[in-house]
């Protein structure tokens, strides 16, 4: 089924064909920017985390490196850009400093007892998706942005 629209039906259709989805998320002639302030708040939180020095947790944790902050910021921007382009909701994650100089992004859905935690470092991204009865580790495949967006949508947003 050919679709040029946005919303749940278009999202499902596009998600079934990764090449079309990638093409749609990366417009050739325009930069798509989110229309709300959520990405700016998340990026502001990243800057606060970047100002933490070594031993910020009093257990010897290293400071978050500029490379990790750039990678985290880029991932956040890409997530919001893809969500906006596809017309899907992307709730604002809780941003936190994680051990090992990494940055964490956490989405929760308390009524569903579900959460998704993504941890970003200089050289890796990993995560854990949890529901009431199941916990699964996640490592990115070929397109981490779309995979994370799908996880947030399926685990956190969708009723």
C-alpha atoms as a PDB file:
ATOM      1  CA  UNK A   1       0.000   0.000   0.000  1.00  0.00           C
ATOM      2  CA  UNK A   2       1.464   3.339  -1.060  1.00  0.00           C
ATOM      3  CA  UNK A   3       1.271   6.084   1.553  1.00  0.00           C
ATOM      4  CA  UNK A   4       2.606   9.584   1.738  1.00  0.00           C
ATOM      5  CA  UNK A   5       0.737  10.516   4.910  1.00  0.00           C
ATOM      6  CA  UNK A   6       1.652  10.471   8.561  1.00  0.00           C
ATOM      7  CA  UNK A   7       0.086   9.004  11.646  1.00  0.00           C
ATOM      8  CA  UNK A   8      -0.406   5.461  12.933  1.00  0.00           C
ATOM      9  CA  UNK A   9      -1.361   3.849   9.613  1.00  0.00           C
ATOM     10  CA  UNK A  10       1.512   5.476   7.755  1.00  0.00           C
ATOM     11  CA  UNK A  11       3.908   4.650  10.575  1.00  0.00           C
ATOM     12  CA  UNK A  12       2.971   0.974  10.436  1.00  0.00           C
ATOM     13  CA  UNK A  13       3.254   0.907   6.647  1.00  0.00           C
ATOM     14  CA  UNK A  14       6.612   2.677   6.603  1.00  0.00           C
ATOM     15  CA  UNK A  15       8.028   0.606   9.450  1.00  0.00           C
ATOM     16  CA  UNK A  16       7.394  -2.580   7.494  1.00  0.00           C
ATOM     17  CA  UNK A  17       9.860  -1.434   4.815  1.00  0.00           C
ATOM     18  CA  UNK A  18      13.108  -0.124   6.344  1.00  0.00           C
ATOM     19  CA  UNK A  19      14.435   1.344   3.083  1.00  0.00           C
ATOM     20  CA  UNK A  20      11.295   3.467   2.610  1.00  0.00           C
ATOM     21  CA  UNK A  21      11.423   4.436   6.262  1.00  0.00           C
ATOM     22  CA  UNK A  22      15.043   5.546   6.023  1.00  0.00           C
ATOM     23  CA  UNK A  23      14.293   7.507   2.864  1.00  0.00           C
ATOM     24  CA  UNK A  24      11.320   9.163   4.567  1.00  0.00           C
ATOM     25  CA  UNK A  25      13.244  10.030   7.727  1.00  0.00           C
ATOM     26  CA  UNK A  26      16.131  11.567   5.781  1.00  0.00           C
ATOM     27  CA  UNK A  27      14.635  14.147   3.446  1.00  0.00           C
ATOM     28  CA  UNK A  28      16.895  14.997   0.522  1.00  0.00           C
ATOM     29  CA  UNK A  29      16.137  18.694   0.258  1.00  0.00           C
ATOM     30  CA  UNK A  30      14.979  19.899   3.648  1.00  0.00           C
ATOM     31  CA  UNK A  31      15.839  19.673   7.301  1.00  0.00           C
ATOM     32  CA  UNK A  32      12.884  18.622   9.400  1.00  0.00           C
ATOM     33  CA  UNK A  33      12.918  20.099  12.873  1.00  0.00           C
ATOM     34  CA  UNK A  34      10.590  19.262  15.743  1.00  0.00           C
ATOM     35  CA  UNK A  35       7.866  21.760  16.474  1.00  0.00           C
ATOM     36  CA  UNK A  36       7.883  21.517  20.257  1.00  0.00           C
ATOM     37  CA  UNK A  37      10.358  22.358  23.001  1.00  0.00           C
ATOM     38  CA  UNK A  38      10.993  18.804  24.265  1.00  0.00           C
ATOM     39  CA  UNK A  39      14.268  18.263  22.390  1.00  0.00           C
ATOM     40  CA  UNK A  40      15.576  21.578  23.681  1.00  0.00           C
ATOM     41  CA  UNK A  41      14.826  20.584  27.288  1.00  0.00           C
ATOM     42  CA  UNK A  42      16.510  17.205  26.778  1.00  0.00           C
ATOM     43  CA  UNK A  43      19.559  18.870  25.219  1.00  0.00           C
ATOM     44  CA  UNK A  44      19.684  21.349  28.137  1.00  0.00           C
ATOM     45  CA  UNK A  45      19.736  18.384  30.533  1.00  0.00           C
ATOM     46  CA  UNK A  46      22.602  16.882  28.534  1.00  0.00           C
ATOM     47  CA  UNK A  47      24.562  20.110  28.982  1.00  0.00           C
ATOM     48  CA  UNK A  48      24.018  19.952  32.741  1.00  0.00           C
ATOM     49  CA  UNK A  49      25.308  16.377  32.778  1.00  0.00           C
ATOM     50  CA  UNK A  50      28.313  17.524  30.763  1.00  0.00           C
ATOM     51  CA  UNK A  51      29.236  19.949  33.518  1.00  0.00           C
ATOM     52  CA  UNK A  52      29.599  17.155  36.081  1.00  0.00           C
ATOM     53  CA  UNK A  53      33.204  16.498  36.947  1.00  0.00           C
ATOM     54  CA  UNK A  54      34.909  13.218  37.660  1.00  0.00           C
ATOM     55  CA  UNK A  55      33.646  11.385  40.745  1.00  0.00           C
ATOM     56  CA  UNK A  56      30.222  13.034  40.362  1.00  0.00           C
ATOM     57  CA  UNK A  57      28.622  10.047  42.099  1.00  0.00           C
ATOM     58  CA  UNK A  58      31.250   9.853  44.901  1.00  0.00           C
ATOM     59  CA  UNK A  59      32.098   6.321  43.720  1.00  0.00           C
ATOM     60  CA  UNK A  60      34.768   7.324  41.216  1.00  0.00           C
ATOM     61  CA  UNK A  61      32.623   7.647  38.082  1.00  0.00           C
ATOM     62  CA  UNK A  62      34.426   9.417  35.236  1.00  0.00           C
ATOM     63  CA  UNK A  63      33.117  12.669  33.807  1.00  0.00           C
ATOM     64  CA  UNK A  64      30.997  12.414  30.677  1.00  0.00           C
ATOM     65  CA  UNK A  65      33.239  13.129  27.698  1.00  0.00           C
ATOM     66  CA  UNK A  66      32.459  15.739  25.045  1.00  0.00           C
ATOM     67  CA  UNK A  67      32.288  12.905  22.474  1.00  0.00           C
ATOM     68  CA  UNK A  68      29.616  11.120  24.532  1.00  0.00           C
ATOM     69  CA  UNK A  69      27.644  14.355  24.890  1.00  0.00           C
ATOM     70  CA  UNK A  70      27.821  14.963  21.127  1.00  0.00           C
ATOM     71  CA  UNK A  71      26.716  11.418  20.380  1.00  0.00           C
ATOM     72  CA  UNK A  72      23.863  11.641  22.900  1.00  0.00           C
ATOM     73  CA  UNK A  73      22.740  15.018  21.566  1.00  0.00           C
ATOM     74  CA  UNK A  74      22.841  13.787  17.999  1.00  0.00           C
ATOM     75  CA  UNK A  75      20.796  10.707  18.925  1.00  0.00           C
ATOM     76  CA  UNK A  76      18.185  12.862  20.709  1.00  0.00           C
ATOM     77  CA  UNK A  77      17.938  15.198  17.716  1.00  0.00           C
ATOM     78  CA  UNK A  78      17.610  12.257  15.308  1.00  0.00           C
ATOM     79  CA  UNK A  79      14.909  10.645  17.464  1.00  0.00           C
ATOM     80  CA  UNK A  80      12.801  13.799  17.573  1.00  0.00           C
ATOM     81  CA  UNK A  81      13.360  14.501  13.892  1.00  0.00           C
ATOM     82  CA  UNK A  82      12.279  10.973  12.924  1.00  0.00           C
ATOM     83  CA  UNK A  83       9.243  11.117  15.234  1.00  0.00           C
ATOM     84  CA  UNK A  84       8.195  14.473  13.823  1.00  0.00           C
ATOM     85  CA  UNK A  85       8.687  13.320  10.231  1.00  0.00           C
ATOM     86  CA  UNK A  86       6.686  10.129  10.816  1.00  0.00           C
ATOM     87  CA  UNK A  87       3.998  11.838  12.874  1.00  0.00           C
ATOM     88  CA  UNK A  88       4.499   9.631  15.924  1.00  0.00           C
ATOM     89  CA  UNK A  89       4.534  10.719  19.541  1.00  0.00           C
ATOM     90  CA  UNK A  90       7.884  10.724  21.325  1.00  0.00           C
ATOM     91  CA  UNK A  91       7.561  11.441  25.027  1.00  0.00           C
ATOM     92  CA  UNK A  92      10.362  13.330  26.702  1.00  0.00           C
ATOM     93  CA  UNK A  93      12.877  10.973  28.299  1.00  0.00           C
ATOM     94  CA  UNK A  94      14.445  11.440  31.697  1.00  0.00           C
ATOM     95  CA  UNK A  95      18.133  12.162  31.084  1.00  0.00           C
ATOM     96  CA  UNK A  96      20.742  10.994  33.583  1.00  0.00           C
ATOM     97  CA  UNK A  97      24.463  10.470  34.018  1.00  0.00           C
ATOM     98  CA  UNK A  98      25.295   6.773  34.037  1.00  0.00           C
ATOM     99  CA  UNK A  99      28.334   4.909  35.286  1.00  0.00           C
ATOM    100  CA  UNK A 100      31.389   4.647  33.104  1.00  0.00           C
ATOM    101  CA  UNK A 101      31.020   8.189  31.742  1.00  0.00           C
ATOM    102  CA  UNK A 102      27.857   7.332  29.827  1.00  0.00           C
ATOM    103  CA  UNK A 103      24.544   9.173  29.410  1.00  0.00           C
ATOM    104  CA  UNK A 104      21.189   7.512  29.959  1.00  0.00           C
ATOM    105  CA  UNK A 105      17.775   8.175  28.447  1.00  0.00           C
ATOM    106  CA  UNK A 106      14.793   6.679  30.265  1.00  0.00           C
ATOM    107  CA  UNK A 107      11.189   6.450  29.093  1.00  0.00           C
ATOM    108  CA  UNK A 108       8.530   5.093  31.471  1.00  0.00           C
ATOM    109  CA  UNK A 109       4.893   4.104  31.229  1.00  0.00           C
ATOM    110  CA  UNK A 110       3.793   3.533  34.833  1.00  0.00           C
ATOM    111  CA  UNK A 111       0.259   2.257  34.064  1.00  0.00           C
ATOM    112  CA  UNK A 112       1.742  -0.429  31.792  1.00  0.00           C
ATOM    113  CA  UNK A 113       4.655  -1.041  34.205  1.00  0.00           C
ATOM    114  CA  UNK A 114       7.033  -0.653  31.262  1.00  0.00           C
ATOM    115  CA  UNK A 115      10.241   1.244  30.708  1.00  0.00           C
ATOM    116  CA  UNK A 116      13.011   1.630  28.196  1.00  0.00           C
ATOM    117  CA  UNK A 117      16.503   2.650  29.225  1.00  0.00           C
ATOM    118  CA  UNK A 118      19.057   3.542  26.572  1.00  0.00           C
ATOM    119  CA  UNK A 119      22.663   4.214  27.607  1.00  0.00           C
ATOM    120  CA  UNK A 120      24.971   6.107  25.261  1.00  0.00           C
ATOM    121  CA  UNK A 121      28.755   6.064  25.434  1.00  0.00           C
ATOM    122  CA  UNK A 122      31.575   7.167  23.170  1.00  0.00           C
ATOM    123  CA  UNK A 123      31.730   3.860  21.334  1.00  0.00           C
ATOM    124  CA  UNK A 124      28.495   2.045  22.125  1.00  0.00           C
ATOM    125  CA  UNK A 125      24.785   2.321  22.665  1.00  0.00           C
ATOM    126  CA  UNK A 126      22.866  -0.306  24.571  1.00  0.00           C
ATOM    127  CA  UNK A 127      19.590  -0.596  26.363  1.00  0.00           C
ATOM    128  CA  UNK A 128      17.084  -2.591  28.334  1.00  0.00           C
ATOM    129  CA  UNK A 129      13.357  -2.839  27.641  1.00  0.00           C
ATOM    130  CA  UNK A 130      11.284  -3.959  30.622  1.00  0.00           C
ATOM    131  CA  UNK A 131       7.661  -4.833  31.177  1.00  0.00           C
ATOM    132  CA  UNK A 132       5.874  -6.316  34.159  1.00  0.00           C
ATOM    133  CA  UNK A 133       6.926  -9.874  33.265  1.00  0.00           C
ATOM    134  CA  UNK A 134       9.852  -9.462  30.892  1.00  0.00           C
ATOM    135  CA  UNK A 135      13.242  -7.752  30.682  1.00  0.00           C
ATOM    136  CA  UNK A 136      15.190  -7.790  27.440  1.00  0.00           C
ATOM    137  CA  UNK A 137      18.575  -6.306  26.627  1.00  0.00           C
ATOM    138  CA  UNK A 138      18.809  -4.310  23.417  1.00  0.00           C
ATOM    139  CA  UNK A 139      21.779  -3.607  21.178  1.00  0.00           C
ATOM    140  CA  UNK A 140      21.440  -1.542  18.034  1.00  0.00           C
ATOM    141  CA  UNK A 141      21.297  -2.977  14.559  1.00  0.00           C
ATOM    142  CA  UNK A 142      21.836  -1.038  11.371  1.00  0.00           C
ATOM    143  CA  UNK A 143      19.644   1.942  12.322  1.00  0.00           C
ATOM    144  CA  UNK A 144      19.647   2.701  16.031  1.00  0.00           C
ATOM    145  CA  UNK A 145      17.431   5.799  15.687  1.00  0.00           C
ATOM    146  CA  UNK A 146      14.520   3.973  14.081  1.00  0.00           C
ATOM    147  CA  UNK A 147      14.924   0.970  16.357  1.00  0.00           C
ATOM    148  CA  UNK A 148      14.785   3.151  19.482  1.00  0.00           C
ATOM    149  CA  UNK A 149      11.815   5.087  18.103  1.00  0.00           C
ATOM    150  CA  UNK A 150       9.976   1.802  17.445  1.00  0.00           C
ATOM    151  CA  UNK A 151      10.793   0.546  20.951  1.00  0.00           C
ATOM    152  CA  UNK A 152       9.533   3.776  22.560  1.00  0.00           C
ATOM    153  CA  UNK A 153       6.382   3.693  20.458  1.00  0.00           C
ATOM    154  CA  UNK A 154       5.591   0.015  21.078  1.00  0.00           C
ATOM    155  CA  UNK A 155       6.612  -0.183  24.722  1.00  0.00           C
ATOM    156  CA  UNK A 156       5.801   3.261  26.090  1.00  0.00           C
ATOM    157  CA  UNK A 157       3.370   5.160  23.824  1.00  0.00           C
ATOM    158  CA  UNK A 158       1.047   2.532  22.394  1.00  0.00           C
ATOM    159  CA  UNK A 159      -1.866   1.652  24.663  1.00  0.00           C
END
